[in-house]
Structure formats: structure tokens, C-alpha cells
PDB file of N, CA and C in Angstrom:
ATOM      1  N   UNK A   1     145.795  73.435  97.024  1.00  0.00           N
ATOM      2  CA  UNK A   1     146.100  73.856  98.504  1.00  0.00           C
ATOM      3  C   UNK A   1     144.816  74.612  98.703  1.00  0.00           C
ATOM      4  N   UNK A   2     144.693  75.983  97.954  1.00  0.00           N
ATOM      5  CA  UNK A   2     143.261  76.735  98.323  1.00  0.00           C
ATOM      6  C   UNK A   2     142.101  76.215  98.451  1.00  0.00           C
ATOM      7  N   UNK A   3     141.812  75.473  97.354  1.00  0.00           N
ATOM      8  CA  UNK A   3     140.510  74.122  97.522  1.00  0.00           C
ATOM      9  C   UNK A   3     140.347  73.477  98.747  1.00  0.00           C
ATOM     10  N   UNK A   4     141.017  73.085  98.778  1.00  0.00           N
ATOM     11  CA  UNK A   4     140.867  71.909 100.545  1.00  0.00           C
ATOM     12  C   UNK A   4     140.386  73.193 101.280  1.00  0.00           C
ATOM     13  N   UNK A   5     141.105  74.318 101.768  1.00  0.00           N
ATOM     14  CA  UNK A   5     140.938  75.223 102.403  1.00  0.00           C
ATOM     15  C   UNK A   5     139.611  75.959 102.221  1.00  0.00           C
ATOM     16  N   UNK A   6     139.059  76.009 100.968  1.00  0.00           N
ATOM     17  CA  UNK A   6     137.713  76.166 101.052  1.00  0.00           C
ATOM     18  C   UNK A   6     136.932  75.005 101.716  1.00  0.00           C
ATOM     19  N   UNK A   7     136.790  73.892 100.655  1.00  0.00           N
ATOM     20  CA  UNK A   7     136.099  72.796 101.533  1.00  0.00           C
ATOM     21  C   UNK A   7     135.951  72.746 102.923  1.00  0.00           C
ATOM     22  N   UNK A   8     137.331  73.425 103.649  1.00  0.00           N
ATOM     23  CA  UNK A   8     136.656  72.882 105.000  1.00  0.00           C
ATOM     24  C   UNK A   8     136.195  74.453 105.750  1.00  0.00           C
ATOM     25  N   UNK A   9     136.072  75.300 104.897  1.00  0.00           N
ATOM     26  CA  UNK A   9     135.570  76.506 105.490  1.00  0.00           C
ATOM     27  C   UNK A   9     133.974  76.327 105.262  1.00  0.00           C
ATOM     28  N   UNK A  10     133.737  75.517 104.258  1.00  0.00           N
ATOM     29  CA  UNK A  10     132.085  75.304 103.857  1.00  0.00           C
ATOM     30  C   UNK A  10     131.219  75.148 105.354  1.00  0.00           C
ATOM     31  N   UNK A  11     132.040  73.598 105.208  1.00  0.00           N
ATOM     32  CA  UNK A  11     130.512  73.136 106.915  1.00  0.00           C
ATOM     33  C   UNK A  11     130.733  74.232 107.938  1.00  0.00           C
ATOM     34  N   UNK A  12     132.276  74.539 108.026  1.00  0.00           N
ATOM     35  CA  UNK A  12     132.003  75.940 109.402  1.00  0.00           C
ATOM     36  C   UNK A  12     131.142  77.069 109.207  1.00  0.00           C
ATOM     37  N   UNK A  13     130.740  77.018 107.826  1.00  0.00           N
ATOM     38  CA  UNK A  13     129.696  78.326 107.471  1.00  0.00           C
ATOM     39  C   UNK A  13     128.160  77.962 107.941  1.00  0.00           C
ATOM     40  N   UNK A  14     128.709  76.926 107.022  1.00  0.00           N
ATOM     41  CA  UNK A  14     126.838  75.744 107.334  1.00  0.00           C
ATOM     42  C   UNK A  14     126.833  75.973 108.507  1.00  0.00           C
ATOM     43  N   UNK A  15     127.393  75.935 109.727  1.00  0.00           N
ATOM     44  CA  UNK A  15     127.527  75.629 111.405  1.00  0.00           C
ATOM     45  C   UNK A  15     127.150  76.960 111.540  1.00  0.00           C
ATOM     46  N   UNK A  16     127.684  78.012 111.557  1.00  0.00           N
ATOM     47  CA  UNK A  16     127.261  79.298 111.627  1.00  0.00           C
ATOM     48  C   UNK A  16     126.159  79.894 112.116  1.00  0.00           C
ATOM     49  N   UNK A  17     125.493  79.266 110.328  1.00  0.00           N
ATOM     50  CA  UNK A  17     124.354  79.630 110.152  1.00  0.00           C
ATOM     51  C   UNK A  17     123.053  78.959 110.906  1.00  0.00           C
ATOM     52  N   UNK A  18     123.664  77.562 110.900  1.00  0.00           N
ATOM     53  CA  UNK A  18     122.731  76.841 111.572  1.00  0.00           C
ATOM     54  C   UNK A  18     122.472  77.196 113.014  1.00  0.00           C
ATOM     55  N   UNK A  19     123.850  77.827 113.856  1.00  0.00           N
ATOM     56  CA  UNK A  19     123.656  78.230 114.802  1.00  0.00           C
ATOM     57  C   UNK A  19     122.901  79.464 115.432  1.00  0.00           C
ATOM     58  N   UNK A  20     123.469  80.755 113.760  1.00  0.00           N
ATOM     59  CA  UNK A  20     122.427  81.830 114.086  1.00  0.00           C
ATOM     60  C   UNK A  20     120.841  81.634 114.041  1.00  0.00           C
ATOM     61  N   UNK A  21     120.285  80.505 113.197  1.00  0.00           N
ATOM     62  CA  UNK A  21     119.074  80.493 113.076  1.00  0.00           C
ATOM     63  C   UNK A  21     118.237  79.814 114.225  1.00  0.00           C
ATOM     64  N   UNK A  22     119.180  78.842 114.932  1.00  0.00           N
ATOM     65  CA  UNK A  22     118.767  78.276 115.980  1.00  0.00           C
ATOM     66  C   UNK A  22     118.585  79.482 117.227  1.00  0.00           C
ATOM     67  N   UNK A  23     119.492  80.069 117.744  1.00  0.00           N
ATOM     68  CA  UNK A  23     119.295  81.356 118.335  1.00  0.00           C
ATOM     69  C   UNK A  23     118.405  82.624 118.325  1.00  0.00           C
ATOM     70  N   UNK A  24     118.119  82.513 116.813  1.00  0.00           N
ATOM     71  CA  UNK A  24     117.061  83.228 116.678  1.00  0.00           C
ATOM     72  C   UNK A  24     115.680  82.594 117.296  1.00  0.00           C
ATOM     73  N   UNK A  25     115.782  81.539 116.993  1.00  0.00           N
ATOM     74  CA  UNK A  25     114.395  80.803 117.217  1.00  0.00           C
ATOM     75  C   UNK A  25     114.372  80.868 119.290  1.00  0.00           C
ATOM     76  N   UNK A  26     115.506  80.750 118.994  1.00  0.00           N
ATOM     77  CA  UNK A  26     115.286  80.523 121.036  1.00  0.00           C
ATOM     78  C   UNK A  26     114.881  81.983 121.456  1.00  0.00           C
ATOM     79  N   UNK A  27     115.015  83.125 121.110  1.00  0.00           N
ATOM     80  CA  UNK A  27     114.401  84.649 121.748  1.00  0.00           C
ATOM     81  C   UNK A  27     113.194  84.372 121.749  1.00  0.00           C
ATOM     82  N   UNK A  28     112.343  83.241 120.923  1.00  0.00           N
ATOM     83  CA  UNK A  28     111.088  83.535 121.184  1.00  0.00           C
ATOM     84  C   UNK A  28     110.804  82.272 122.286  1.00  0.00           C
ATOM     85  N   UNK A  29     111.842  81.415 123.183  1.00  0.00           N
ATOM     86  CA  UNK A  29     111.611  80.923 124.496  1.00  0.00           C
ATOM     87  C   UNK A  29     112.553  79.706 123.869  1.00  0.00           C
ATOM     88  N   UNK A  30     112.706  79.048 124.993  1.00  0.00           N
ATOM     89  CA  UNK A  30     113.425  77.537 124.507  1.00  0.00           C
ATOM     90  C   UNK A  30     112.588  76.739 126.115  1.00  0.00           C
ATOM     91  N   UNK A  31     113.597  75.055 125.657  1.00  0.00           N
ATOM     92  CA  UNK A  31     112.671  74.174 126.420  1.00  0.00           C
ATOM     93  C   UNK A  31     114.440  73.380 126.594  1.00  0.00           C
ATOM     94  N   UNK A  32     114.372  72.677 128.164  1.00  0.00           N
ATOM     95  CA  UNK A  32     115.735  72.075 128.373  1.00  0.00           C
ATOM     96  C   UNK A  32     114.603  70.555 127.893  1.00  0.00           C
ATOM     97  N   UNK A  33     115.674  70.092 127.339  1.00  0.00           N
ATOM     98  CA  UNK A  33     115.739  68.447 126.714  1.00  0.00           C
ATOM     99  C   UNK A  33     116.718  67.541 126.999  1.00  0.00           C
ATOM    100  N   UNK A  34     115.996  66.564 127.595  1.00  0.00           N
ATOM    101  CA  UNK A  34     117.871  65.543 127.984  1.00  0.00           C
ATOM    102  C   UNK A  34     117.280  64.306 126.546  1.00  0.00           C
ATOM    103  N   UNK A  35     118.842  64.417 126.261  1.00  0.00           N
ATOM    104  CA  UNK A  35     119.312  63.393 125.212  1.00  0.00           C
ATOM    105  C   UNK A  35     118.919  61.949 125.828  1.00  0.00           C
ATOM    106  N   UNK A  36     119.361  60.810 125.253  1.00  0.00           N
ATOM    107  CA  UNK A  36     119.462  59.555 125.764  1.00  0.00           C
ATOM    108  C   UNK A  36     120.864  59.122 126.183  1.00  0.00           C
ATOM    109  N   UNK A  37     121.691  59.837 125.738  1.00  0.00           N
ATOM    110  CA  UNK A  37     122.629  60.003 126.433  1.00  0.00           C
ATOM    111  C   UNK A  37     123.056  60.672 127.870  1.00  0.00           C
ATOM    112  N   UNK A  38     121.849  61.401 128.466  1.00  0.00           N
ATOM    113  CA  UNK A  38     122.090  62.200 129.539  1.00  0.00           C
ATOM    114  C   UNK A  38     122.307  63.461 129.161  1.00  0.00           C
ATOM    115  N   UNK A  39     122.691  64.263 128.308  1.00  0.00           N
ATOM    116  CA  UNK A  39     123.281  65.423 127.700  1.00  0.00           C
ATOM    117  C   UNK A  39     121.894  66.258 127.655  1.00  0.00           C
ATOM    118  N   UNK A  40     122.103  67.327 128.539  1.00  0.00           N
ATOM    119  CA  UNK A  40     121.190  68.268 128.221  1.00  0.00           C
ATOM    120  C   UNK A  40     120.922  69.284 127.403  1.00  0.00           C
ATOM    121  N   UNK A  41     120.352  69.386 126.717  1.00  0.00           N
ATOM    122  CA  UNK A  41     119.867  70.430 125.528  1.00  0.00           C
ATOM    123  C   UNK A  41     119.142  71.192 125.157  1.00  0.00           C
ATOM    124  N   UNK A  42     119.428  72.616 125.102  1.00  0.00           N
ATOM    125  CA  UNK A  42     118.608  73.622 124.567  1.00  0.00           C
ATOM    126  C   UNK A  42     117.425  73.561 123.247  1.00  0.00           C
ATOM    127  N   UNK A  43     115.891  73.144 123.472  1.00  0.00           N
ATOM    128  CA  UNK A  43     115.737  73.358 122.227  1.00  0.00           C
ATOM    129  C   UNK A  43     114.218  74.479 122.008  1.00  0.00           C
ATOM    130  N   UNK A  44     114.479  75.168 120.778  1.00  0.00           N
ATOM    131  CA  UNK A  44     113.747  76.154 121.041  1.00  0.00           C
ATOM    132  C   UNK A  44     112.540  75.603 120.965  1.00  0.00           C
ATOM    133  N   UNK A  45     111.053  76.522 121.969  1.00  0.00           N
ATOM    134  CA  UNK A  45     109.895  75.955 121.605  1.00  0.00           C
ATOM    135  C   UNK A  45     109.027  76.514 120.299  1.00  0.00           C
ATOM    136  N   UNK A  46     108.291  75.716 119.824  1.00  0.00           N
ATOM    137  CA  UNK A  46     107.637  75.523 118.414  1.00  0.00           C
ATOM    138  C   UNK A  46     106.879  77.045 118.659  1.00  0.00           C
ATOM    139  N   UNK A  47     106.431  77.824 117.999  1.00  0.00           N
ATOM    140  CA  UNK A  47     105.620  78.705 117.788  1.00  0.00           C
ATOM    141  C   UNK A  47     104.018  78.256 117.178  1.00  0.00           C
ATOM    142  N   UNK A  48     102.975  78.464 118.290  1.00  0.00           N
ATOM    143  CA  UNK A  48     102.201  78.197 117.918  1.00  0.00           C
ATOM    144  C   UNK A  48     100.949  79.282 117.081  1.00  0.00           C
ATOM    145  N   UNK A  49     100.515  79.337 115.851  1.00  0.00           N
ATOM    146  CA  UNK A  49     100.128  80.327 115.304  1.00  0.00           C
ATOM    147  C   UNK A  49      98.695  80.731 116.451  1.00  0.00           C
ATOM    148  N   UNK A  50      98.283  81.930 116.684  1.00  0.00           N
ATOM    149  CA  UNK A  50      97.063  82.178 117.362  1.00  0.00           C
ATOM    150  C   UNK A  50      95.846  81.570 116.618  1.00  0.00           C
ATOM    151  N   UNK A  51      95.776  81.454 115.689  1.00  0.00           N
ATOM    152  CA  UNK A  51      94.453  80.773 114.521  1.00  0.00           C
ATOM    153  C   UNK A  51      94.668  79.716 114.345  1.00  0.00           C
ATOM    154  N   UNK A  52      95.153  78.569 114.708  1.00  0.00           N
ATOM    155  CA  UNK A  52      95.323  77.555 113.649  1.00  0.00           C
ATOM    156  C   UNK A  52      94.388  77.074 112.148  1.00  0.00           C
ATOM    157  N   UNK A  53      95.121  76.214 111.611  1.00  0.00           N
ATOM    158  CA  UNK A  53      94.249  76.636 110.341  1.00  0.00           C
ATOM    159  C   UNK A  53      93.039  75.509 110.282  1.00  0.00           C
ATOM    160  N   UNK A  54      93.487  74.182 111.236  1.00  0.00           N
ATOM    161  CA  UNK A  54      91.925  73.843 111.651  1.00  0.00           C
ATOM    162  C   UNK A  54      91.096  74.917 112.542  1.00  0.00           C
ATOM    163  N   UNK A  55      90.997  75.676 112.610  1.00  0.00           N
ATOM    164  CA  UNK A  55      90.408  76.470 113.325  1.00  0.00           C
ATOM    165  C   UNK A  55      89.474  77.251 112.325  1.00  0.00           C
ATOM    166  N   UNK A  56      90.471  77.692 111.546  1.00  0.00           N
ATOM    167  CA  UNK A  56      90.213  78.558 110.438  1.00  0.00           C
ATOM    168  C   UNK A  56      89.327  77.794 109.486  1.00  0.00           C
ATOM    169  N   UNK A  57      89.526  76.537 109.122  1.00  0.00           N
ATOM    170  CA  UNK A  57      88.618  75.588 108.136  1.00  0.00           C
ATOM    171  C   UNK A  57      87.763  75.138 108.501  1.00  0.00           C
ATOM    172  N   UNK A  58      87.733  75.003 110.120  1.00  0.00           N
ATOM    173  CA  UNK A  58      86.023  74.671 110.219  1.00  0.00           C
ATOM    174  C   UNK A  58      85.068  75.586 110.709  1.00  0.00           C
ATOM    175  N   UNK A  59      85.745  76.494 110.556  1.00  0.00           N
ATOM    176  CA  UNK A  59      84.604  78.085 110.666  1.00  0.00           C
ATOM    177  C   UNK A  59      84.206  78.365 109.368  1.00  0.00           C
ATOM    178  N   UNK A  60      85.059  78.179 108.188  1.00  0.00           N
ATOM    179  CA  UNK A  60      84.523  78.341 107.136  1.00  0.00           C
ATOM    180  C   UNK A  60      83.759  77.459 106.812  1.00  0.00           C
ATOM    181  N   UNK A  61      83.800  76.169 107.284  1.00  0.00           N
ATOM    182  CA  UNK A  61      82.925  75.396 107.181  1.00  0.00           C
ATOM    183  C   UNK A  61      81.621  75.070 107.316  1.00  0.00           C
ATOM    184  N   UNK A  62      81.523  75.879 108.473  1.00  0.00           N
ATOM    185  CA  UNK A  62      80.475  75.939 109.721  1.00  0.00           C
ATOM    186  C   UNK A  62      79.934  77.451 108.659  1.00  0.00           C
ATOM    187  N   UNK A  63      80.047  78.236 108.288  1.00  0.00           N
ATOM    188  CA  UNK A  63      79.807  79.835 107.530  1.00  0.00           C
ATOM    189  C   UNK A  63      79.372  79.069 106.524  1.00  0.00           C
ATOM    190  N   UNK A  64      79.876  78.290 105.889  1.00  0.00           N
ATOM    191  CA  UNK A  64      79.120  77.453 104.566  1.00  0.00           C
ATOM    192  C   UNK A  64      77.669  76.843 104.845  1.00  0.00           C
ATOM    193  N   UNK A  65      77.787  76.008 105.884  1.00  0.00           N
ATOM    194  CA  UNK A  65      76.927  75.231 106.121  1.00  0.00           C
ATOM    195  C   UNK A  65      75.759  76.194 106.628  1.00  0.00           C
ATOM    196  N   UNK A  66      76.013  77.271 107.407  1.00  0.00           N
ATOM    197  CA  UNK A  66      74.791  78.333 107.877  1.00  0.00           C
ATOM    198  C   UNK A  66      73.927  79.009 106.454  1.00  0.00           C
ATOM    199  N   UNK A  67      75.286  79.607 105.775  1.00  0.00           N
ATOM    200  CA  UNK A  67      74.530  80.121 104.229  1.00  0.00           C
ATOM    201  C   UNK A  67      73.271  79.268 103.738  1.00  0.00           C
ATOM    202  N   UNK A  68      74.242  77.632 103.695  1.00  0.00           N
ATOM    203  CA  UNK A  68      73.227  77.064 102.888  1.00  0.00           C
ATOM    204  C   UNK A  68      71.981  76.505 103.849  1.00  0.00           C
ATOM    205  N   UNK A  69      72.210  76.695 105.358  1.00  0.00           N
ATOM    206  CA  UNK A  69      71.154  76.444 105.903  1.00  0.00           C
ATOM    207  C   UNK A  69      69.496  77.214 105.575  1.00  0.00           C
ATOM    208  N   UNK A  70      70.088  78.515 105.678  1.00  0.00           N
ATOM    209  CA  UNK A  70      69.519  79.956 105.390  1.00  0.00           C
ATOM    210  C   UNK A  70      68.978  79.773 103.783  1.00  0.00           C
ATOM    211  N   UNK A  71      69.668  79.459 103.161  1.00  0.00           N
ATOM    212  CA  UNK A  71      68.985  79.340 101.415  1.00  0.00           C
ATOM    213  C   UNK A  71      67.964  77.997 101.183  1.00  0.00           C
ATOM    214  N   UNK A  72      68.349  77.439 102.132  1.00  0.00           N
ATOM    215  CA  UNK A  72      67.201  76.214 102.400  1.00  0.00           C
ATOM    216  C   UNK A  72      66.034  76.522 102.825  1.00  0.00           C
ATOM    217  N   UNK A  73      66.206  77.050 104.235  1.00  0.00           N
ATOM    218  CA  UNK A  73      64.834  77.448 105.164  1.00  0.00           C
ATOM    219  C   UNK A  73      64.196  78.482 104.413  1.00  0.00           C
ATOM    220  N   UNK A  74      64.847  79.588 103.876  1.00  0.00           N
ATOM    221  CA  UNK A  74      64.252  80.389 102.911  1.00  0.00           C
ATOM    222  C   UNK A  74      63.498  80.451 101.426  1.00  0.00           C
ATOM    223  N   UNK A  75      64.458  80.143 101.166  1.00  0.00           N
ATOM    224  CA  UNK A  75      64.088  79.450  99.615  1.00  0.00           C
ATOM    225  C   UNK A  75      64.974  80.468  98.790  1.00  0.00           C
ATOM    226  N   UNK A  76      65.056  79.920  97.582  1.00  0.00           N
ATOM    227  CA  UNK A  76      66.526  81.198  96.710  1.00  0.00           C
ATOM    228  C   UNK A  76      65.922  82.602  96.728  1.00  0.00           C
ATOM    229  N   UNK A  77      64.486  83.098  96.107  1.00  0.00           N
ATOM    230  CA  UNK A  77      64.066  84.177  95.750  1.00  0.00           C
ATOM    231  C   UNK A  77      64.114  84.934  97.513  1.00  0.00           C
ATOM    232  N   UNK A  78      63.667  84.321  98.600  1.00  0.00           N
ATOM    233  CA  UNK A  78      63.611  85.340  99.302  1.00  0.00           C
ATOM    234  C   UNK A  78      65.019  85.489  99.862  1.00  0.00           C
ATOM    235  N   UNK A  79      65.209  84.423  99.917  1.00  0.00           N
ATOM    236  CA  UNK A  79      67.182  85.062 100.438  1.00  0.00           C
ATOM    237  C   UNK A  79      67.526  86.061  99.884  1.00  0.00           C
ATOM    238  N   UNK A  80      67.316  85.811  98.107  1.00  0.00           N
ATOM    239  CA  UNK A  80      68.125  87.268  97.620  1.00  0.00           C
ATOM    240  C   UNK A  80      67.627  87.932  97.578  1.00  0.00           C
ATOM    241  N   UNK A  81      66.614  88.267  97.600  1.00  0.00           N
ATOM    242  CA  UNK A  81      65.373  89.959  98.597  1.00  0.00           C
ATOM    243  C   UNK A  81      66.076  90.118  99.526  1.00  0.00           C
ATOM    244  N   UNK A  82      66.382  89.032 100.730  1.00  0.00           N
ATOM    245  CA  UNK A  82      66.836  89.857 101.480  1.00  0.00           C
ATOM    246  C   UNK A  82      68.477  90.675 101.517  1.00  0.00           C
ATOM    247  N   UNK A  83      69.283  89.466 100.656  1.00  0.00           N
ATOM    248  CA  UNK A  83      70.396  90.226 100.643  1.00  0.00           C
ATOM    249  C   UNK A  83      70.462  91.275 100.159  1.00  0.00           C
ATOM    250  N   UNK A  84      69.768  91.879  99.060  1.00  0.00           N
ATOM    251  CA  UNK A  84      69.657  92.613  97.681  1.00  0.00           C
ATOM    252  C   UNK A  84      69.430  93.522  98.841  1.00  0.00           C
ATOM    253  N   UNK A  85      68.028  93.764  99.952  1.00  0.00           N
ATOM    254  CA  UNK A  85      68.145  94.807 101.205  1.00  0.00           C
ATOM    255  C   UNK A  85      68.996  95.210 101.866  1.00  0.00           C
ATOM    256  N   UNK A  86      69.669  94.287 102.628  1.00  0.00           N
ATOM    257  CA  UNK A  86      71.168  94.446 103.316  1.00  0.00           C
ATOM    258  C   UNK A  86      71.914  95.249 102.305  1.00  0.00           C
ATOM    259  N   UNK A  87      71.874  94.910 100.879  1.00  0.00           N
ATOM    260  CA  UNK A  87      73.151  95.679 100.063  1.00  0.00           C
ATOM    261  C   UNK A  87      72.822  97.273 100.134  1.00  0.00           C
ATOM    262  N   UNK A  88      71.140  97.239  99.886  1.00  0.00           N
ATOM    263  CA  UNK A  88      70.919  98.950 100.034  1.00  0.00           C
ATOM    264  C   UNK A  88      71.311  99.957 101.403  1.00  0.00           C
ATOM    265  N   UNK A  89      71.955  99.361 102.423  1.00  0.00           N
ATOM    266  CA  UNK A  89      72.295  99.833 103.717  1.00  0.00           C
ATOM    267  C   UNK A  89      73.571 100.384 103.738  1.00  0.00           C
ATOM    268  N   UNK A  90      73.621 100.738 104.791  1.00  0.00           N
ATOM    269  CA  UNK A  90      75.146 100.986 105.204  1.00  0.00           C
ATOM    270  C   UNK A  90      76.368 100.156 104.532  1.00  0.00           C
ATOM    271  N   UNK A  91      77.761 101.165 104.642  1.00  0.00           N
ATOM    272  CA  UNK A  91      78.446 100.280 103.810  1.00  0.00           C
ATOM    273  C   UNK A  91      79.210  99.096 104.684  1.00  0.00           C
ATOM    274  N   UNK A  92      78.945  98.708 105.703  1.00  0.00           N
ATOM    275  CA  UNK A  92      79.039  97.543 106.614  1.00  0.00           C
ATOM    276  C   UNK A  92      78.020  96.413 106.178  1.00  0.00           C
ATOM    277  N   UNK A  93      76.839  97.111 106.195  1.00  0.00           N
ATOM    278  CA  UNK A  93      75.382  96.114 105.543  1.00  0.00           C
ATOM    279  C   UNK A  93      75.847  95.759 103.991  1.00  0.00           C
ATOM    280  N   UNK A  94      76.686  96.340 103.559  1.00  0.00           N
ATOM    281  CA  UNK A  94      77.098  96.462 102.092  1.00  0.00           C
ATOM    282  C   UNK A  94      77.945  95.372 102.206  1.00  0.00           C
ATOM    283  N   UNK A  95      79.065  95.306 102.683  1.00  0.00           N
ATOM    284  CA  UNK A  95      79.878  94.138 103.306  1.00  0.00           C
ATOM    285  C   UNK A  95      79.266  92.827 103.816  1.00  0.00           C
ATOM    286  N   UNK A  96      78.534  92.864 104.437  1.00  0.00           N
ATOM    287  CA  UNK A  96      77.610  91.534 104.756  1.00  0.00           C
ATOM    288  C   UNK A  96      76.740  91.044 103.367  1.00  0.00           C
ATOM    289  N   UNK A  97      76.232  91.596 102.773  1.00  0.00           N
ATOM    290  CA  UNK A  97      75.523  91.282 101.503  1.00  0.00           C
ATOM    291  C   UNK A  97      76.271  90.773 100.819  1.00  0.00           C
ATOM    292  N   UNK A  98      77.580  91.136 100.544  1.00  0.00           N
ATOM    293  CA  UNK A  98      78.170  90.812  99.500  1.00  0.00           C
ATOM    294  C   UNK A  98      79.181  89.053 100.158  1.00  0.00           C
ATOM    295  N   UNK A  99      79.430  89.323 101.512  1.00  0.00           N
ATOM    296  CA  UNK A  99      79.713  88.131 102.261  1.00  0.00           C
ATOM    297  C   UNK A  99      78.459  86.977 102.075  1.00  0.00           C
ATOM    298  N   UNK A 100      77.451  87.481 101.993  1.00  0.00           N
ATOM    299  CA  UNK A 100      76.206  86.931 102.534  1.00  0.00           C
ATOM    300  C   UNK A 100      75.364  85.742 101.035  1.00  0.00           C
ATOM    301  N   UNK A 101      76.055  86.522  99.950  1.00  0.00           N
ATOM    302  CA  UNK A 101      75.115  86.035  98.310  1.00  0.00           C
ATOM    303  C   UNK A 101      75.246  85.403  98.117  1.00  0.00           C
ATOM    304  N   UNK A 102      74.355  84.255  97.317  1.00  0.00           N
ATOM    305  CA  UNK A 102      74.421  82.952  97.542  1.00  0.00           C
ATOM    306  C   UNK A 102      75.506  82.555  96.491  1.00  0.00           C
ATOM    307  N   UNK A 103      76.369  81.608  96.559  1.00  0.00           N
ATOM    308  CA  UNK A 103      77.463  81.072  96.119  1.00  0.00           C
ATOM    309  C   UNK A 103      76.912  79.511  95.363  1.00  0.00           C
ATOM    310  N   UNK A 104      77.620  78.979  94.465  1.00  0.00           N
ATOM    311  CA  UNK A 104      77.356  77.462  94.381  1.00  0.00           C
ATOM    312  C   UNK A 104      77.907  76.795  95.168  1.00  0.00           C
ATOM    313  N   UNK A 105      78.355  76.930  96.163  1.00  0.00           N
ATOM    314  CA  UNK A 105      78.785  75.647  97.334  1.00  0.00           C
ATOM    315  C   UNK A 105      77.619  75.785  98.227  1.00  0.00           C
ATOM    316  N   UNK A 106      76.883  76.831  98.488  1.00  0.00           N
ATOM    317  CA  UNK A 106      75.775  77.279  99.362  1.00  0.00           C
ATOM    318  C   UNK A 106      74.502  76.675  99.020  1.00  0.00           C
ATOM    319  N   UNK A 107      74.722  77.227  97.559  1.00  0.00           N
ATOM    320  CA  UNK A 107      73.292  76.332  96.723  1.00  0.00           C
ATOM    321  C   UNK A 107      73.306  74.831  96.882  1.00  0.00           C
ATOM    322  N   UNK A 108      74.574  74.539  96.132  1.00  0.00           N
ATOM    323  CA  UNK A 108      74.556  73.076  96.602  1.00  0.00           C
ATOM    324  C   UNK A 108      74.247  72.172  98.131  1.00  0.00           C
ATOM    325  N   UNK A 109      74.637  72.949  98.911  1.00  0.00           N
ATOM    326  CA  UNK A 109      74.717  72.621 100.811  1.00  0.00           C
ATOM    327  C   UNK A 109      72.749  72.688 100.704  1.00  0.00           C
ATOM    328  N   UNK A 110      72.820  73.818 100.247  1.00  0.00           N
ATOM    329  CA  UNK A 110      70.771  73.964  99.892  1.00  0.00           C
ATOM    330  C   UNK A 110      70.046  72.847  99.523  1.00  0.00           C
ATOM    331  N   UNK A 111      70.375  72.020  98.402  1.00  0.00           N
ATOM    332  CA  UNK A 111      69.831  71.568  97.964  1.00  0.00           C
ATOM    333  C   UNK A 111      70.306  70.381  98.611  1.00  0.00           C
ATOM    334  N   UNK A 112      70.826  69.685  99.002  1.00  0.00           N
ATOM    335  CA  UNK A 112      71.139  68.450  99.957  1.00  0.00           C
ATOM    336  C   UNK A 112      70.840  68.406 101.172  1.00  0.00           C
ATOM    337  N   UNK A 113      70.681  69.687 101.760  1.00  0.00           N
ATOM    338  CA  UNK A 113      70.031  69.598 102.991  1.00  0.00           C
ATOM    339  C   UNK A 113      67.925  70.069 103.093  1.00  0.00           C
ATOM    340  N   UNK A 114      67.921  70.478 101.912  1.00  0.00           N
ATOM    341  CA  UNK A 114      66.659  70.921 101.713  1.00  0.00           C
ATOM    342  C   UNK A 114      65.602  69.488 102.059  1.00  0.00           C
ATOM    343  N   UNK A 115      65.631  68.935 101.127  1.00  0.00           N
ATOM    344  CA  UNK A 115      64.502  67.448 101.750  1.00  0.00           C
ATOM    345  C   UNK A 115      64.345  67.539 103.463  1.00  0.00           C
ATOM    346  N   UNK A 116      65.633  67.756 104.029  1.00  0.00           N
ATOM    347  CA  UNK A 116      65.294  67.027 105.543  1.00  0.00           C
ATOM    348  C   UNK A 116      64.499  67.901 106.132  1.00  0.00           C
ATOM    349  N   UNK A 117      64.585  69.319 105.686  1.00  0.00           N
ATOM    350  CA  UNK A 117      63.926  70.291 106.575  1.00  0.00           C
ATOM    351  C   UNK A 117      62.414  70.381 106.526  1.00  0.00           C
ATOM    352  N   UNK A 118      61.996  70.550 107.372  1.00  0.00           N
ATOM    353  CA  UNK A 118      60.177  70.927 107.138  1.00  0.00           C
ATOM    354  C   UNK A 118      59.497  71.634 106.277  1.00  0.00           C
TER     355      UNK A 118
END
């Protein structure tokens, strides 16, 4: 007898957890939606991040393309000298030097676009 009572409680607990989760989501906003049967139900709004993943990836790609372009235009020795000069400056300049140091991906990009530059 007790086993059947526990089996009936399980779906009830799951429903409570689902409703609690939906309620938390709806505190961030909700929208009304009409189902096919005409019933209006409230759905939580999806939270969009401030910086979508696509923007971050495109920014990284643009950054590495920029570094590769600089490396191809200036040449490896001149580029490294400029980064070393930057590394001798303030802490902000040292951080910039660390970010701008030549890496394998930038070198590969420089090799690929080098022949197309004047």
C-alpha cells in the first residue's frame, strides 16, 4: 500500500519542481501566447546575454586577422621590436604587449595574406 502512495507522490513532486522553476524564470519577464486550442498561457521570456557568443567569436577572429595583418605588413623582426618596446612601458602597456605578442595563429594568417600585400 505504501509503495503505491510513493509512486503517486513522485509525479506531484516533479510537477512542483517544474512549476517552481517556471515561476523563477517568469520573474525575469513573461509573454502571453495563445495555444492552438485557444487557451492563453504565460511563457517566460528567454534571457539573452549581453554579449552573444557570435559577437565574441567574430571579435576574436577580427583581432587575430588584425594581428596577422600587422605581422605581415611590418615583418616579424619589426613587429617583435615594437612589442618589446611596448613591454618596457607601464603595466597597461605590458598587458598590451602580452596580448599583441606573435602567436602561431597570427603567424599563419600573416603567411597567408603576405603575398597579397604590396
